[in-house]
Amino acid sequence: MSSISILEKVKSIAGNDTVMIFGPSGSGKTTFCLALAYEAIKSKLKVIYLDTERNLNNPPGELDYHYLPDLREVYAYVKAMPKANIAIIDSLSTPIITAYSSANMADKGAMLLKATELSGQLKLWTWRNEGLAVVTNQPTSQFGKTNIKEEDLPPRLGSSIYQYKEVWRTTATVESDKTICLIKAWRSRKYPRGKPLFRMTISDQGVKIEPLV
């Protein structure tokens, strides 16, 4: 890891508020969130990690980790979430899309509203606890969208993005011995869309994150 505090850099951009990080599978979202969590733990801060996809097989014992694939359980936990310095939901859209796909037509609208409501509850949590909340998400499907480039696709459940102070987009380039991930501004109060914020290098030597702003 870089000697520069990535957590402090994130907070210098987003403050004690909400950040959405979205991008395709394998573009570094979970790795970036874990780096934030590890930094916070080393600084004796409390981190809550909600994993809706079982992305973590062996979460560290210092992490307040919860595997919650069911939307009802995610919603109930977030609504009553205890005080912490950082809350991470990895990922927000998965339980909502799962619930949506199995709901009847009368309930589908309610499923989509849950995304906005969950995001709003996270916003309230950051305000009450002076904490940082980070959520990962996937882009919308490119199916049927012939006139839009993949990197321009918005996040899933796009109406909820207005609850977030910062929305960032991840991309990944695979080289022979490493993967280079870029975290760029997508909807930011400080930087234009496409502005690179962090470069993350994943290799056999570990993970290195460099702030670019």
C-alpha atoms as a PDB file:
ATOM      1  CA  MET A   1       0.000   0.000   0.000  1.00  0.00           C
ATOM      2  CA  SER A   2       1.029   3.594  -0.604  1.00  0.00           C
ATOM      3  CA  SER A   3       2.307   5.516   2.425  1.00  0.00           C
ATOM      4  CA  ILE A   4      -0.203   8.253   1.566  1.00  0.00           C
ATOM      5  CA  SER A   5      -3.500   7.881   3.417  1.00  0.00           C
ATOM      6  CA  ILE A   6      -6.011   6.972   0.734  1.00  0.00           C
ATOM      7  CA  LEU A   7      -8.790   7.224   3.290  1.00  0.00           C
ATOM      8  CA  GLU A   8      -7.914  10.821   4.068  1.00  0.00           C
ATOM      9  CA  LYS A   9      -7.752  11.613   0.367  1.00  0.00           C
ATOM     10  CA  VAL A  10     -11.231  10.155  -0.151  1.00  0.00           C
ATOM     11  CA  LYS A  11     -12.541  12.165   2.786  1.00  0.00           C
ATOM     12  CA  SER A  12     -10.904  15.333   1.471  1.00  0.00           C
ATOM     13  CA  ILE A  13     -13.069  14.918  -1.635  1.00  0.00           C
ATOM     14  CA  ALA A  14     -16.287  13.541  -0.152  1.00  0.00           C
ATOM     15  CA  GLY A  15     -16.119  14.608   3.489  1.00  0.00           C
ATOM     16  CA  ASN A  16     -18.322  12.675   5.921  1.00  0.00           C
ATOM     17  CA  ASP A  17     -20.835  11.790   3.256  1.00  0.00           C
ATOM     18  CA  THR A  18     -21.740   9.130   0.687  1.00  0.00           C
ATOM     19  CA  VAL A  19     -19.686   7.863  -2.259  1.00  0.00           C
ATOM     20  CA  MET A  20     -20.810   5.462  -4.987  1.00  0.00           C
ATOM     21  CA  ILE A  21     -18.097   3.595  -6.880  1.00  0.00           C
ATOM     22  CA  PHE A  22     -19.387   1.746  -9.927  1.00  0.00           C
ATOM     23  CA  GLY A  23     -17.871  -0.207 -12.766  1.00  0.00           C
ATOM     24  CA  PRO A  24     -17.876  -3.647 -14.384  1.00  0.00           C
ATOM     25  CA  SER A  25     -16.841  -6.809 -12.557  1.00  0.00           C
ATOM     26  CA  GLY A  26     -13.092  -7.041 -12.082  1.00  0.00           C
ATOM     27  CA  SER A  27     -12.444  -3.285 -12.273  1.00  0.00           C
ATOM     28  CA  GLY A  28     -11.199  -2.955  -8.688  1.00  0.00           C
ATOM     29  CA  LYS A  29     -14.233  -1.786  -6.702  1.00  0.00           C
ATOM     30  CA  THR A  30     -13.970  -4.314  -3.883  1.00  0.00           C
ATOM     31  CA  THR A  31     -10.163  -4.068  -3.774  1.00  0.00           C
ATOM     32  CA  PHE A  32     -10.375  -0.296  -3.408  1.00  0.00           C
ATOM     33  CA  CYS A  33     -12.980  -0.573  -0.639  1.00  0.00           C
ATOM     34  CA  LEU A  34     -10.875  -3.136   1.214  1.00  0.00           C
ATOM     35  CA  ALA A  35      -7.866  -0.828   1.023  1.00  0.00           C
ATOM     36  CA  LEU A  36      -9.947   1.895   2.681  1.00  0.00           C
ATOM     37  CA  ALA A  37     -11.136  -0.565   5.317  1.00  0.00           C
ATOM     38  CA  TYR A  38      -7.622  -1.810   6.123  1.00  0.00           C
ATOM     39  CA  GLU A  39      -6.306   1.743   6.467  1.00  0.00           C
ATOM     40  CA  ALA A  40      -9.129   2.633   8.813  1.00  0.00           C
ATOM     41  CA  ILE A  41      -8.632  -0.493  10.930  1.00  0.00           C
ATOM     42  CA  LYS A  42      -4.908   0.260  11.286  1.00  0.00           C
ATOM     43  CA  SER A  43      -5.913   3.687  12.581  1.00  0.00           C
ATOM     44  CA  LYS A  44      -8.204   2.048  15.175  1.00  0.00           C
ATOM     45  CA  LEU A  45     -11.354   3.186  13.388  1.00  0.00           C
ATOM     46  CA  LYS A  46     -14.528   1.099  13.239  1.00  0.00           C
ATOM     47  CA  VAL A  47     -15.536  -0.214   9.818  1.00  0.00           C
ATOM     48  CA  ILE A  48     -18.861  -1.884   8.960  1.00  0.00           C
ATOM     49  CA  TYR A  49     -18.751  -4.011   5.810  1.00  0.00           C
ATOM     50  CA  LEU A  50     -21.994  -5.297   4.275  1.00  0.00           C
ATOM     51  CA  ASP A  51     -21.243  -7.917   1.619  1.00  0.00           C
ATOM     52  CA  THR A  52     -24.222  -8.817  -0.585  1.00  0.00           C
ATOM     53  CA  GLU A  53     -22.267 -11.045  -2.998  1.00  0.00           C
ATOM     54  CA  ARG A  54     -19.878 -12.874  -0.615  1.00  0.00           C
ATOM     55  CA  ASN A  55     -16.938 -11.097  -2.208  1.00  0.00           C
ATOM     56  CA  LEU A  56     -14.868 -11.677   0.943  1.00  0.00           C
ATOM     57  CA  ASN A  57     -14.091 -15.289   1.747  1.00  0.00           C
ATOM     58  CA  ASN A  58     -11.936 -14.557   4.798  1.00  0.00           C
ATOM     59  CA  PRO A  59     -12.773 -11.115   6.186  1.00  0.00           C
ATOM     60  CA  PRO A  60     -10.339  -9.848   8.829  1.00  0.00           C
ATOM     61  CA  GLY A  61     -11.535 -10.250  12.381  1.00  0.00           C
ATOM     62  CA  GLU A  62     -11.280  -6.524  13.069  1.00  0.00           C
ATOM     63  CA  LEU A  63     -13.878  -5.844  10.367  1.00  0.00           C
ATOM     64  CA  ASP A  64     -17.529  -5.636  11.462  1.00  0.00           C
ATOM     65  CA  TYR A  65     -18.503  -7.924   8.584  1.00  0.00           C
ATOM     66  CA  HIS A  66     -22.015  -9.016   7.571  1.00  0.00           C
ATOM     67  CA  TYR A  67     -23.025 -11.196   4.626  1.00  0.00           C
ATOM     68  CA  LEU A  68     -26.529 -10.013   3.704  1.00  0.00           C
ATOM     69  CA  PRO A  69     -27.780 -11.128   0.262  1.00  0.00           C
ATOM     70  CA  ASP A  70     -31.452 -10.467   1.079  1.00  0.00           C
ATOM     71  CA  LEU A  71     -32.809  -6.972   0.376  1.00  0.00           C
ATOM     72  CA  ARG A  72     -35.049  -6.998   3.446  1.00  0.00           C
ATOM     73  CA  GLU A  73     -32.095  -7.775   5.704  1.00  0.00           C
ATOM     74  CA  VAL A  74     -29.914  -5.106   4.056  1.00  0.00           C
ATOM     75  CA  TYR A  75     -32.640  -2.508   4.465  1.00  0.00           C
ATOM     76  CA  ALA A  76     -33.317  -3.426   8.102  1.00  0.00           C
ATOM     77  CA  TYR A  77     -29.614  -3.328   8.960  1.00  0.00           C
ATOM     78  CA  VAL A  78     -28.916  -0.003   7.251  1.00  0.00           C
ATOM     79  CA  LYS A  79     -31.931   1.620   8.870  1.00  0.00           C
ATOM     80  CA  ALA A  80     -30.641   0.674  12.341  1.00  0.00           C
ATOM     81  CA  MET A  81     -26.914   0.651  11.549  1.00  0.00           C
ATOM     82  CA  PRO A  82     -24.751   1.359  14.609  1.00  0.00           C
ATOM     83  CA  LYS A  83     -22.204   4.114  14.901  1.00  0.00           C
ATOM     84  CA  ALA A  84     -18.959   3.618  12.971  1.00  0.00           C
ATOM     85  CA  ASN A  85     -16.364   5.647  11.123  1.00  0.00           C
ATOM     86  CA  ILE A  86     -16.907   3.952   7.758  1.00  0.00           C
ATOM     87  CA  ALA A  87     -19.733   1.876   6.303  1.00  0.00           C
ATOM     88  CA  ILE A  88     -19.219  -0.066   3.076  1.00  0.00           C
ATOM     89  CA  ILE A  89     -21.962  -1.818   1.084  1.00  0.00           C
ATOM     90  CA  ASP A  90     -20.556  -4.145  -1.566  1.00  0.00           C
ATOM     91  CA  SER A  91     -22.726  -4.095  -3.632  1.00  0.00           C
ATOM     92  CA  LEU A  92     -25.959  -2.133  -3.383  1.00  0.00           C
ATOM     93  CA  SER A  93     -27.664  -3.170  -6.616  1.00  0.00           C
ATOM     94  CA  THR A  94     -27.328  -6.962  -6.299  1.00  0.00           C
ATOM     95  CA  PRO A  95     -30.032  -7.610  -3.645  1.00  0.00           C
ATOM     96  CA  ILE A  96     -32.306  -5.015  -5.250  1.00  0.00           C
ATOM     97  CA  ILE A  97     -32.012  -6.564  -8.721  1.00  0.00           C
ATOM     98  CA  THR A  98     -32.535 -10.041  -7.221  1.00  0.00           C
ATOM     99  CA  ALA A  99     -35.678  -8.920  -5.425  1.00  0.00           C
ATOM    100  CA  TYR A 100     -36.895  -7.047  -8.511  1.00  0.00           C
ATOM    101  CA  SER A 101     -36.503 -10.055 -10.803  1.00  0.00           C
ATOM    102  CA  SER A 102     -38.620 -12.265  -8.548  1.00  0.00           C
ATOM    103  CA  ALA A 103     -41.293  -9.687  -7.679  1.00  0.00           C
ATOM    104  CA  ASN A 104     -44.707  -9.501  -9.282  1.00  0.00           C
ATOM    105  CA  MET A 105     -45.588  -6.501 -11.419  1.00  0.00           C
ATOM    106  CA  ALA A 106     -47.363  -4.748  -8.572  1.00  0.00           C
ATOM    107  CA  ASP A 107     -44.240  -4.880  -6.384  1.00  0.00           C
ATOM    108  CA  LYS A 108     -41.564  -4.038  -8.957  1.00  0.00           C
ATOM    109  CA  GLY A 109     -41.955  -0.292  -8.503  1.00  0.00           C
ATOM    110  CA  ALA A 110     -41.468  -0.707  -4.756  1.00  0.00           C
ATOM    111  CA  MET A 111     -38.215  -2.572  -5.375  1.00  0.00           C
ATOM    112  CA  LEU A 112     -36.797   0.353  -7.344  1.00  0.00           C
ATOM    113  CA  LEU A 113     -37.888   2.819  -4.693  1.00  0.00           C
ATOM    114  CA  LYS A 114     -35.923   0.797  -2.147  1.00  0.00           C
ATOM    115  CA  ALA A 115     -32.706   1.800  -3.919  1.00  0.00           C
ATOM    116  CA  THR A 116     -33.435   5.482  -3.380  1.00  0.00           C
ATOM    117  CA  GLU A 117     -34.656   4.864   0.158  1.00  0.00           C
ATOM    118  CA  LEU A 118     -31.548   2.847   1.059  1.00  0.00           C
ATOM    119  CA  SER A 119     -29.309   5.562  -0.329  1.00  0.00           C
ATOM    120  CA  GLY A 120     -31.228   8.136   1.667  1.00  0.00           C
ATOM    121  CA  GLN A 121     -30.834   6.114   4.857  1.00  0.00           C
ATOM    122  CA  LEU A 122     -27.078   5.957   4.260  1.00  0.00           C
ATOM    123  CA  LYS A 123     -27.012   9.724   3.796  1.00  0.00           C
ATOM    124  CA  LEU A 124     -28.778  10.160   7.136  1.00  0.00           C
ATOM    125  CA  TRP A 125     -26.346   7.725   8.773  1.00  0.00           C
ATOM    126  CA  THR A 126     -23.314   9.754   7.650  1.00  0.00           C
ATOM    127  CA  TRP A 127     -24.915  12.896   9.038  1.00  0.00           C
ATOM    128  CA  ARG A 128     -25.805  11.357  12.412  1.00  0.00           C
ATOM    129  CA  ASN A 129     -22.471   9.625  12.886  1.00  0.00           C
ATOM    130  CA  GLU A 130     -20.073  11.952  11.034  1.00  0.00           C
ATOM    131  CA  GLY A 131     -19.034   8.891   9.059  1.00  0.00           C
ATOM    132  CA  LEU A 132     -18.143   8.004   5.499  1.00  0.00           C
ATOM    133  CA  ALA A 133     -20.350   5.587   3.537  1.00  0.00           C
ATOM    134  CA  VAL A 134     -19.041   3.902   0.374  1.00  0.00           C
ATOM    135  CA  VAL A 135     -21.267   1.846  -1.912  1.00  0.00           C
ATOM    136  CA  THR A 136     -20.247  -0.239  -4.918  1.00  0.00           C
ATOM    137  CA  ASN A 137     -22.486  -0.713  -7.921  1.00  0.00           C
ATOM    138  CA  GLN A 138     -22.523  -2.067 -11.465  1.00  0.00           C
ATOM    139  CA  PRO A 139     -23.158  -0.114 -14.686  1.00  0.00           C
ATOM    140  CA  THR A 140     -26.442  -0.606 -16.461  1.00  0.00           C
ATOM    141  CA  SER A 141     -26.464  -3.256 -19.156  1.00  0.00           C
ATOM    142  CA  GLN A 142     -25.334  -2.221 -22.626  1.00  0.00           C
ATOM    143  CA  PHE A 143     -27.930  -4.557 -24.148  1.00  0.00           C
ATOM    144  CA  GLY A 144     -29.971  -2.614 -26.695  1.00  0.00           C
ATOM    145  CA  LYS A 145     -27.879   0.531 -26.246  1.00  0.00           C
ATOM    146  CA  THR A 146     -26.068   0.725 -29.575  1.00  0.00           C
ATOM    147  CA  ASN A 147     -25.418   4.468 -29.449  1.00  0.00           C
ATOM    148  CA  ILE A 148     -23.578   4.626 -26.122  1.00  0.00           C
ATOM    149  CA  LYS A 149     -20.048   3.552 -25.283  1.00  0.00           C
ATOM    150  CA  GLU A 150     -19.505   1.116 -22.432  1.00  0.00           C
ATOM    151  CA  GLU A 151     -17.595   3.682 -20.380  1.00  0.00           C
ATOM    152  CA  ASP A 152     -20.521   6.125 -20.671  1.00  0.00           C
ATOM    153  CA  LEU A 153     -23.109   3.747 -19.202  1.00  0.00           C
ATOM    154  CA  PRO A 154     -24.665   5.105 -15.991  1.00  0.00           C
ATOM    155  CA  PRO A 155     -24.833   3.065 -12.779  1.00  0.00           C
ATOM    156  CA  ARG A 156     -27.658   0.654 -12.137  1.00  0.00           C
ATOM    157  CA  LEU A 157     -30.636   2.150 -10.334  1.00  0.00           C
ATOM    158  CA  GLY A 158     -29.537   5.506 -11.654  1.00  0.00           C
ATOM    159  CA  SER A 159     -32.216   7.580  -9.939  1.00  0.00           C
ATOM    160  CA  SER A 160     -30.520   6.917  -6.596  1.00  0.00           C
ATOM    161  CA  ILE A 161     -27.218   8.543  -7.609  1.00  0.00           C
ATOM    162  CA  TYR A 162     -28.508  11.967  -6.628  1.00  0.00           C
ATOM    163  CA  GLN A 163     -28.397  10.843  -2.978  1.00  0.00           C
ATOM    164  CA  TYR A 164     -24.586  10.562  -3.232  1.00  0.00           C
ATOM    165  CA  LYS A 165     -22.167  13.420  -2.839  1.00  0.00           C
ATOM    166  CA  GLU A 166     -19.663  11.726  -5.171  1.00  0.00           C
ATOM    167  CA  VAL A 167     -20.109   9.078  -7.888  1.00  0.00           C
ATOM    168  CA  TRP A 168     -16.924   7.532  -9.276  1.00  0.00           C
ATOM    169  CA  ARG A 169     -16.324   5.117 -12.159  1.00  0.00           C
ATOM    170  CA  THR A 170     -13.742   2.336 -12.261  1.00  0.00           C
ATOM    171  CA  THR A 171     -11.956   0.941 -15.316  1.00  0.00           C
ATOM    172  CA  ALA A 172      -9.305  -1.769 -15.534  1.00  0.00           C
ATOM    173  CA  THR A 173      -6.480  -2.533 -17.961  1.00  0.00           C
ATOM    174  CA  VAL A 174      -4.823  -5.941 -17.719  1.00  0.00           C
ATOM    175  CA  GLU A 175      -1.106  -6.074 -18.485  1.00  0.00           C
ATOM    176  CA  SER A 176       1.222  -9.090 -18.489  1.00  0.00           C
ATOM    177  CA  ASP A 177       2.061  -8.997 -14.791  1.00  0.00           C
ATOM    178  CA  LYS A 178      -0.412  -6.558 -13.280  1.00  0.00           C
ATOM    179  CA  THR A 179      -3.819  -4.917 -13.514  1.00  0.00           C
ATOM    180  CA  ILE A 180      -4.100  -1.129 -13.610  1.00  0.00           C
ATOM    181  CA  CYS A 181      -7.381   0.260 -12.303  1.00  0.00           C
ATOM    182  CA  LEU A 182      -8.382   3.901 -12.586  1.00  0.00           C
ATOM    183  CA  ILE A 183     -11.000   5.494 -10.365  1.00  0.00           C
ATOM    184  CA  LYS A 184     -12.417   8.523 -12.175  1.00  0.00           C
ATOM    185  CA  ALA A 185     -14.962  11.186 -11.331  1.00  0.00           C
ATOM    186  CA  TRP A 186     -18.342  10.483 -12.927  1.00  0.00           C
ATOM    187  CA  ARG A 187     -20.643  12.818 -11.014  1.00  0.00           C
ATOM    188  CA  SER A 188     -18.573  14.999  -8.723  1.00  0.00           C
ATOM    189  CA  ARG A 189     -18.917  18.305  -6.939  1.00  0.00           C
ATOM    190  CA  LYS A 190     -15.181  18.948  -7.269  1.00  0.00           C
ATOM    191  CA  TYR A 191     -13.994  17.458 -10.554  1.00  0.00           C
ATOM    192  CA  PRO A 192     -15.251  17.117 -14.146  1.00  0.00           C
ATOM    193  CA  ARG A 193     -16.463  13.766 -15.432  1.00  0.00           C
ATOM    194  CA  GLY A 194     -13.569  11.560 -16.451  1.00  0.00           C
ATOM    195  CA  LYS A 195     -11.021  13.224 -14.169  1.00  0.00           C
ATOM    196  CA  PRO A 196      -8.706  10.458 -12.806  1.00  0.00           C
ATOM    197  CA  LEU A 197      -8.751  10.480  -9.000  1.00  0.00           C
ATOM    198  CA  PHE A 198      -6.784   7.337  -8.097  1.00  0.00           C
ATOM    199  CA  ARG A 199      -4.594   4.784  -9.845  1.00  0.00           C
ATOM    200  CA  MET A 200      -4.583   1.296  -8.345  1.00  0.00           C
ATOM    201  CA  THR A 201      -1.985  -1.288  -9.360  1.00  0.00           C
ATOM    202  CA  ILE A 202      -2.697  -4.933  -8.498  1.00  0.00           C
ATOM    203  CA  SER A 203       0.184  -7.374  -8.886  1.00  0.00           C
ATOM    204  CA  ASP A 204       1.918 -10.287  -7.177  1.00  0.00           C
ATOM    205  CA  GLN A 205       3.563  -7.686  -4.944  1.00  0.00           C
ATOM    206  CA  GLY A 206       0.184  -6.565  -3.625  1.00  0.00           C
ATOM    207  CA  VAL A 207      -1.977  -3.484  -4.100  1.00  0.00           C
ATOM    208  CA  LYS A 208      -0.645   0.025  -4.551  1.00  0.00           C
ATOM    209  CA  ILE A 209      -2.961   3.041  -4.718  1.00  0.00           C
ATOM    210  CA  GLU A 210      -1.807   6.460  -5.832  1.00  0.00           C
ATOM    211  CA  PRO A 211      -3.936   9.600  -5.547  1.00  0.00           C
ATOM    212  CA  LEU A 212      -3.928  11.594  -8.783  1.00  0.00           C
ATOM    213  CA  VAL A 213      -5.519  14.798  -7.437  1.00  0.00           C
END
